[in-house]
N, C-alpha and C. Protein backbone atom coordinates (compact mmCIF):
# COMPACT_ATOMS: atom_id res chain seq x y z
N ARG A 1 -41.40 46.52 -16.28
CA ARG A 1 -41.71 45.39 -15.42
C ARG A 1 -40.78 45.42 -14.21
N ARG A 2 -41.35 45.29 -13.03
CA ARG A 2 -40.57 45.30 -11.81
C ARG A 2 -39.94 43.93 -11.58
N PRO A 3 -38.71 43.91 -11.09
CA PRO A 3 -38.08 42.61 -10.81
C PRO A 3 -38.75 41.91 -9.64
N VAL A 4 -38.68 40.62 -9.66
CA VAL A 4 -39.23 39.79 -8.59
C VAL A 4 -38.19 39.69 -7.48
N LEU A 5 -38.62 39.81 -6.23
CA LEU A 5 -37.73 39.60 -5.09
C LEU A 5 -37.84 38.16 -4.64
N VAL A 6 -36.72 37.47 -4.65
CA VAL A 6 -36.64 36.09 -4.16
C VAL A 6 -35.95 36.17 -2.80
N LEU A 7 -36.71 35.86 -1.75
CA LEU A 7 -36.23 36.04 -0.38
C LEU A 7 -36.05 34.68 0.29
N PHE A 8 -34.89 34.47 0.89
CA PHE A 8 -34.57 33.21 1.54
C PHE A 8 -34.30 33.40 3.02
N ASP A 9 -34.70 32.44 3.83
CA ASP A 9 -34.30 32.37 5.22
C ASP A 9 -32.88 31.79 5.26
N VAL A 10 -32.07 32.25 6.18
CA VAL A 10 -30.68 31.77 6.24
C VAL A 10 -30.59 30.44 6.98
N ASP A 11 -30.79 30.45 8.29
CA ASP A 11 -30.60 29.25 9.10
C ASP A 11 -31.72 28.24 8.88
N GLY A 12 -31.33 27.06 8.48
CA GLY A 12 -32.30 26.00 8.26
C GLY A 12 -32.80 25.92 6.82
N THR A 13 -32.47 26.92 6.01
CA THR A 13 -32.87 26.90 4.60
C THR A 13 -31.63 26.93 3.71
N LEU A 14 -30.87 28.02 3.79
CA LEU A 14 -29.64 28.12 2.99
C LEU A 14 -28.45 27.45 3.67
N ALA A 15 -28.49 27.41 4.99
CA ALA A 15 -27.38 26.85 5.75
C ALA A 15 -27.91 26.09 6.96
N VAL A 16 -27.15 25.11 7.37
CA VAL A 16 -27.43 24.47 8.65
C VAL A 16 -27.25 25.56 9.70
N PRO A 17 -28.16 25.66 10.68
CA PRO A 17 -28.03 26.73 11.67
C PRO A 17 -26.62 26.84 12.25
N ALA A 18 -26.11 28.07 12.26
CA ALA A 18 -24.79 28.43 12.81
C ALA A 18 -23.63 27.80 12.03
N GLN A 19 -23.88 27.38 10.79
CA GLN A 19 -22.82 26.83 9.94
C GLN A 19 -22.74 27.63 8.65
N LYS A 20 -21.63 27.50 7.95
CA LYS A 20 -21.48 28.15 6.65
C LYS A 20 -22.32 27.41 5.61
N ALA A 21 -22.90 28.18 4.71
CA ALA A 21 -23.64 27.58 3.59
C ALA A 21 -22.65 26.96 2.62
N PRO A 22 -23.03 25.87 1.98
CA PRO A 22 -22.15 25.29 0.96
C PRO A 22 -21.91 26.30 -0.17
N GLU A 23 -20.77 26.20 -0.80
CA GLU A 23 -20.42 27.11 -1.90
C GLU A 23 -21.48 27.07 -3.01
N GLU A 24 -22.10 25.91 -3.22
CA GLU A 24 -23.14 25.79 -4.25
C GLU A 24 -24.31 26.73 -3.96
N ILE A 25 -24.63 26.93 -2.70
CA ILE A 25 -25.73 27.82 -2.30
C ILE A 25 -25.35 29.27 -2.60
N VAL A 26 -24.12 29.65 -2.26
CA VAL A 26 -23.64 31.00 -2.54
C VAL A 26 -23.68 31.26 -4.04
N GLN A 27 -23.25 30.29 -4.82
CA GLN A 27 -23.28 30.42 -6.28
C GLN A 27 -24.70 30.48 -6.82
N MET A 28 -25.61 29.71 -6.22
CA MET A 28 -27.02 29.73 -6.64
C MET A 28 -27.62 31.11 -6.44
N LEU A 29 -27.34 31.75 -5.28
CA LEU A 29 -27.86 33.10 -5.03
C LEU A 29 -27.36 34.07 -6.09
N ALA A 30 -26.08 33.96 -6.44
CA ALA A 30 -25.51 34.83 -7.47
C ALA A 30 -26.17 34.58 -8.82
N ALA A 31 -26.43 33.32 -9.15
CA ALA A 31 -27.04 32.99 -10.44
C ALA A 31 -28.47 33.50 -10.53
N ILE A 32 -29.22 33.39 -9.45
CA ILE A 32 -30.60 33.90 -9.46
C ILE A 32 -30.59 35.40 -9.73
N ARG A 33 -29.63 36.08 -9.16
CA ARG A 33 -29.55 37.54 -9.31
C ARG A 33 -29.03 37.93 -10.69
N THR A 34 -27.95 37.31 -11.14
CA THR A 34 -27.33 37.75 -12.40
C THR A 34 -27.98 37.12 -13.63
N LYS A 35 -28.16 35.83 -13.61
CA LYS A 35 -28.72 35.15 -14.78
C LYS A 35 -30.24 35.22 -14.82
N GLY A 36 -30.86 35.15 -13.65
CA GLY A 36 -32.31 35.16 -13.60
C GLY A 36 -32.91 36.56 -13.64
N GLY A 37 -32.09 37.56 -13.36
CA GLY A 37 -32.58 38.93 -13.37
C GLY A 37 -33.49 39.28 -12.21
N HIS A 38 -33.45 38.49 -11.16
CA HIS A 38 -34.29 38.74 -9.99
C HIS A 38 -33.49 39.45 -8.91
N GLU A 39 -34.20 40.11 -8.01
CA GLU A 39 -33.56 40.65 -6.84
C GLU A 39 -33.54 39.54 -5.79
N VAL A 40 -32.44 39.44 -5.06
CA VAL A 40 -32.26 38.36 -4.09
C VAL A 40 -32.02 38.96 -2.71
N GLY A 41 -32.70 38.38 -1.72
CA GLY A 41 -32.51 38.82 -0.35
C GLY A 41 -32.51 37.66 0.61
N VAL A 42 -32.00 37.94 1.81
CA VAL A 42 -32.00 36.94 2.87
C VAL A 42 -32.54 37.58 4.14
N VAL A 43 -33.15 36.75 4.97
CA VAL A 43 -33.65 37.18 6.27
C VAL A 43 -33.27 36.12 7.29
N GLY A 44 -32.93 36.58 8.48
CA GLY A 44 -32.59 35.63 9.52
C GLY A 44 -32.51 36.28 10.88
N ALA A 45 -32.44 35.45 11.89
CA ALA A 45 -32.38 35.94 13.26
C ALA A 45 -30.98 36.38 13.65
N GLY A 46 -29.97 35.91 12.94
CA GLY A 46 -28.60 36.25 13.28
C GLY A 46 -28.26 37.69 12.95
N ASP A 47 -27.16 38.16 13.53
CA ASP A 47 -26.73 39.52 13.21
C ASP A 47 -26.06 39.53 11.83
N PHE A 48 -25.80 40.72 11.32
CA PHE A 48 -25.26 40.85 9.97
C PHE A 48 -23.92 40.12 9.82
N GLU A 49 -23.06 40.25 10.79
CA GLU A 49 -21.75 39.61 10.70
C GLU A 49 -21.88 38.09 10.56
N LYS A 50 -22.81 37.51 11.31
CA LYS A 50 -23.03 36.06 11.21
C LYS A 50 -23.56 35.70 9.82
N GLN A 51 -24.52 36.46 9.31
CA GLN A 51 -25.06 36.17 7.98
C GLN A 51 -23.97 36.28 6.92
N GLN A 52 -23.16 37.31 7.03
CA GLN A 52 -22.09 37.48 6.05
C GLN A 52 -21.11 36.31 6.12
N TRP A 53 -20.75 35.89 7.33
CA TRP A 53 -19.87 34.74 7.50
C TRP A 53 -20.47 33.48 6.89
N GLN A 54 -21.77 33.29 7.11
CA GLN A 54 -22.44 32.09 6.60
C GLN A 54 -22.56 32.07 5.08
N LEU A 55 -22.65 33.25 4.47
CA LEU A 55 -22.99 33.32 3.05
C LEU A 55 -21.86 33.88 2.18
N GLY A 56 -20.66 33.40 2.39
CA GLY A 56 -19.58 33.71 1.47
C GLY A 56 -18.59 34.75 1.92
N GLY A 57 -18.75 35.29 3.11
CA GLY A 57 -17.76 36.22 3.63
C GLY A 57 -18.00 37.67 3.23
N PRO A 58 -16.96 38.50 3.39
CA PRO A 58 -17.10 39.94 3.13
C PRO A 58 -17.67 40.24 1.75
N GLY A 59 -18.43 41.32 1.67
CA GLY A 59 -19.04 41.73 0.41
C GLY A 59 -20.47 41.27 0.23
N LEU A 60 -21.09 40.76 1.29
CA LEU A 60 -22.47 40.25 1.16
C LEU A 60 -23.42 41.31 0.61
N LEU A 61 -23.24 42.55 1.04
CA LEU A 61 -24.16 43.60 0.60
C LEU A 61 -23.97 43.95 -0.88
N THR A 62 -22.86 43.58 -1.46
CA THR A 62 -22.68 43.80 -2.90
C THR A 62 -23.17 42.60 -3.70
N ARG A 63 -23.28 41.44 -3.04
CA ARG A 63 -23.73 40.22 -3.74
C ARG A 63 -25.23 40.02 -3.69
N LEU A 64 -25.91 40.67 -2.74
CA LEU A 64 -27.36 40.53 -2.60
C LEU A 64 -28.02 41.89 -2.69
N ASN A 65 -29.30 41.89 -3.05
CA ASN A 65 -30.04 43.15 -3.11
C ASN A 65 -30.56 43.57 -1.75
N TYR A 66 -30.99 42.60 -0.94
CA TYR A 66 -31.56 42.89 0.38
C TYR A 66 -31.00 41.93 1.42
N VAL A 67 -30.71 42.48 2.60
CA VAL A 67 -30.30 41.66 3.74
C VAL A 67 -31.09 42.17 4.95
N PHE A 68 -31.80 41.26 5.59
CA PHE A 68 -32.56 41.57 6.80
C PHE A 68 -31.96 40.76 7.95
N SER A 69 -31.27 41.45 8.85
CA SER A 69 -30.61 40.81 9.97
C SER A 69 -31.43 40.99 11.23
N GLU A 70 -31.22 40.08 12.17
CA GLU A 70 -31.92 40.12 13.46
C GLU A 70 -33.43 40.27 13.26
N ASN A 71 -33.96 39.43 12.35
CA ASN A 71 -35.39 39.40 12.01
C ASN A 71 -35.92 40.75 11.56
N GLY A 72 -35.10 41.49 10.83
CA GLY A 72 -35.54 42.76 10.26
C GLY A 72 -35.20 43.98 11.09
N VAL A 73 -34.54 43.79 12.23
CA VAL A 73 -34.13 44.95 13.03
C VAL A 73 -33.17 45.80 12.20
N HIS A 74 -32.28 45.15 11.45
CA HIS A 74 -31.39 45.85 10.53
C HIS A 74 -31.78 45.43 9.12
N ALA A 75 -32.07 46.40 8.28
CA ALA A 75 -32.46 46.11 6.90
C ALA A 75 -31.57 46.89 5.94
N PHE A 76 -31.02 46.17 4.98
CA PHE A 76 -30.14 46.79 3.99
C PHE A 76 -30.70 46.58 2.59
N HIS A 77 -30.58 47.60 1.76
CA HIS A 77 -30.83 47.47 0.32
C HIS A 77 -29.50 47.77 -0.34
N ARG A 78 -28.93 46.74 -0.92
CA ARG A 78 -27.56 46.79 -1.41
C ARG A 78 -26.66 47.25 -0.27
N GLU A 79 -25.93 48.32 -0.43
CA GLU A 79 -25.01 48.74 0.64
C GLU A 79 -25.58 49.85 1.52
N ARG A 80 -26.86 50.13 1.37
CA ARG A 80 -27.48 51.22 2.13
C ARG A 80 -28.33 50.65 3.27
N LEU A 81 -28.11 51.17 4.47
CA LEU A 81 -28.92 50.77 5.62
C LEU A 81 -30.28 51.44 5.50
N LEU A 82 -31.34 50.63 5.43
CA LEU A 82 -32.70 51.15 5.32
C LEU A 82 -33.34 51.38 6.67
N HIS A 83 -33.02 50.50 7.61
CA HIS A 83 -33.72 50.52 8.90
C HIS A 83 -32.82 49.91 9.96
N CYS A 84 -32.84 50.53 11.13
CA CYS A 84 -32.12 49.98 12.28
C CYS A 84 -32.86 50.43 13.52
N LYS A 85 -33.42 49.50 14.23
CA LYS A 85 -34.19 49.83 15.43
C LYS A 85 -33.90 48.79 16.49
N SER A 86 -33.51 49.24 17.64
CA SER A 86 -33.25 48.29 18.73
C SER A 86 -34.45 48.26 19.66
N ILE A 87 -34.57 47.20 20.41
CA ILE A 87 -35.66 47.08 21.38
C ILE A 87 -35.54 48.16 22.45
N VAL A 88 -34.31 48.55 22.80
CA VAL A 88 -34.11 49.60 23.80
C VAL A 88 -34.67 50.92 23.29
N GLU A 89 -34.41 51.23 22.01
CA GLU A 89 -34.95 52.46 21.43
C GLU A 89 -36.47 52.41 21.39
N HIS A 90 -37.01 51.23 21.11
CA HIS A 90 -38.46 51.10 20.96
C HIS A 90 -39.19 51.29 22.29
N VAL A 91 -38.71 50.64 23.34
CA VAL A 91 -39.42 50.71 24.63
C VAL A 91 -38.92 51.85 25.51
N GLY A 92 -37.74 52.36 25.22
CA GLY A 92 -37.16 53.43 26.03
C GLY A 92 -36.23 52.89 27.08
N PRO A 93 -35.22 53.67 27.45
CA PRO A 93 -34.20 53.18 28.38
C PRO A 93 -34.74 52.88 29.78
N GLU A 94 -35.73 53.63 30.24
CA GLU A 94 -36.26 53.39 31.59
C GLU A 94 -36.99 52.05 31.66
N LEU A 95 -37.88 51.80 30.70
CA LEU A 95 -38.61 50.54 30.69
C LEU A 95 -37.65 49.36 30.47
N TRP A 96 -36.64 49.56 29.63
CA TRP A 96 -35.67 48.50 29.39
C TRP A 96 -34.90 48.17 30.67
N ALA A 97 -34.52 49.21 31.41
CA ALA A 97 -33.81 49.00 32.68
C ALA A 97 -34.67 48.20 33.65
N ASP A 98 -35.97 48.53 33.72
CA ASP A 98 -36.90 47.76 34.57
C ASP A 98 -36.96 46.31 34.13
N PHE A 99 -37.02 46.10 32.83
CA PHE A 99 -37.09 44.75 32.27
C PHE A 99 -35.84 43.95 32.64
N GLU A 100 -34.67 44.58 32.51
CA GLU A 100 -33.44 43.90 32.85
C GLU A 100 -33.34 43.49 34.30
N LEU A 101 -33.96 44.30 35.15
CA LEU A 101 -33.93 43.99 36.58
C LEU A 101 -34.88 42.85 36.94
N GLY A 102 -35.80 42.59 36.04
CA GLY A 102 -36.74 41.49 36.27
C GLY A 102 -37.97 41.93 36.93
């Protein structure tokens, strides 16, 4: 039987936007993973450092199964980076430069 992935949004669900999540939330995520036997992940618009700060500090990738930062631009499975794509890489440096100029 495959484990169920329980995926949470960070800002506005687990934490007040741009604030640290209460310790009870951090403990709940751990309990779902260890006691419930489910895989746990988070997704949010913030960068990885912000998510880690919001959700208990260093070691986030060891405490969760999946982390999706910047709306999935960076995707981690445990401590392994699965995906990293920037908008500049996607559109190319020339088109990006045109965009920046307006």
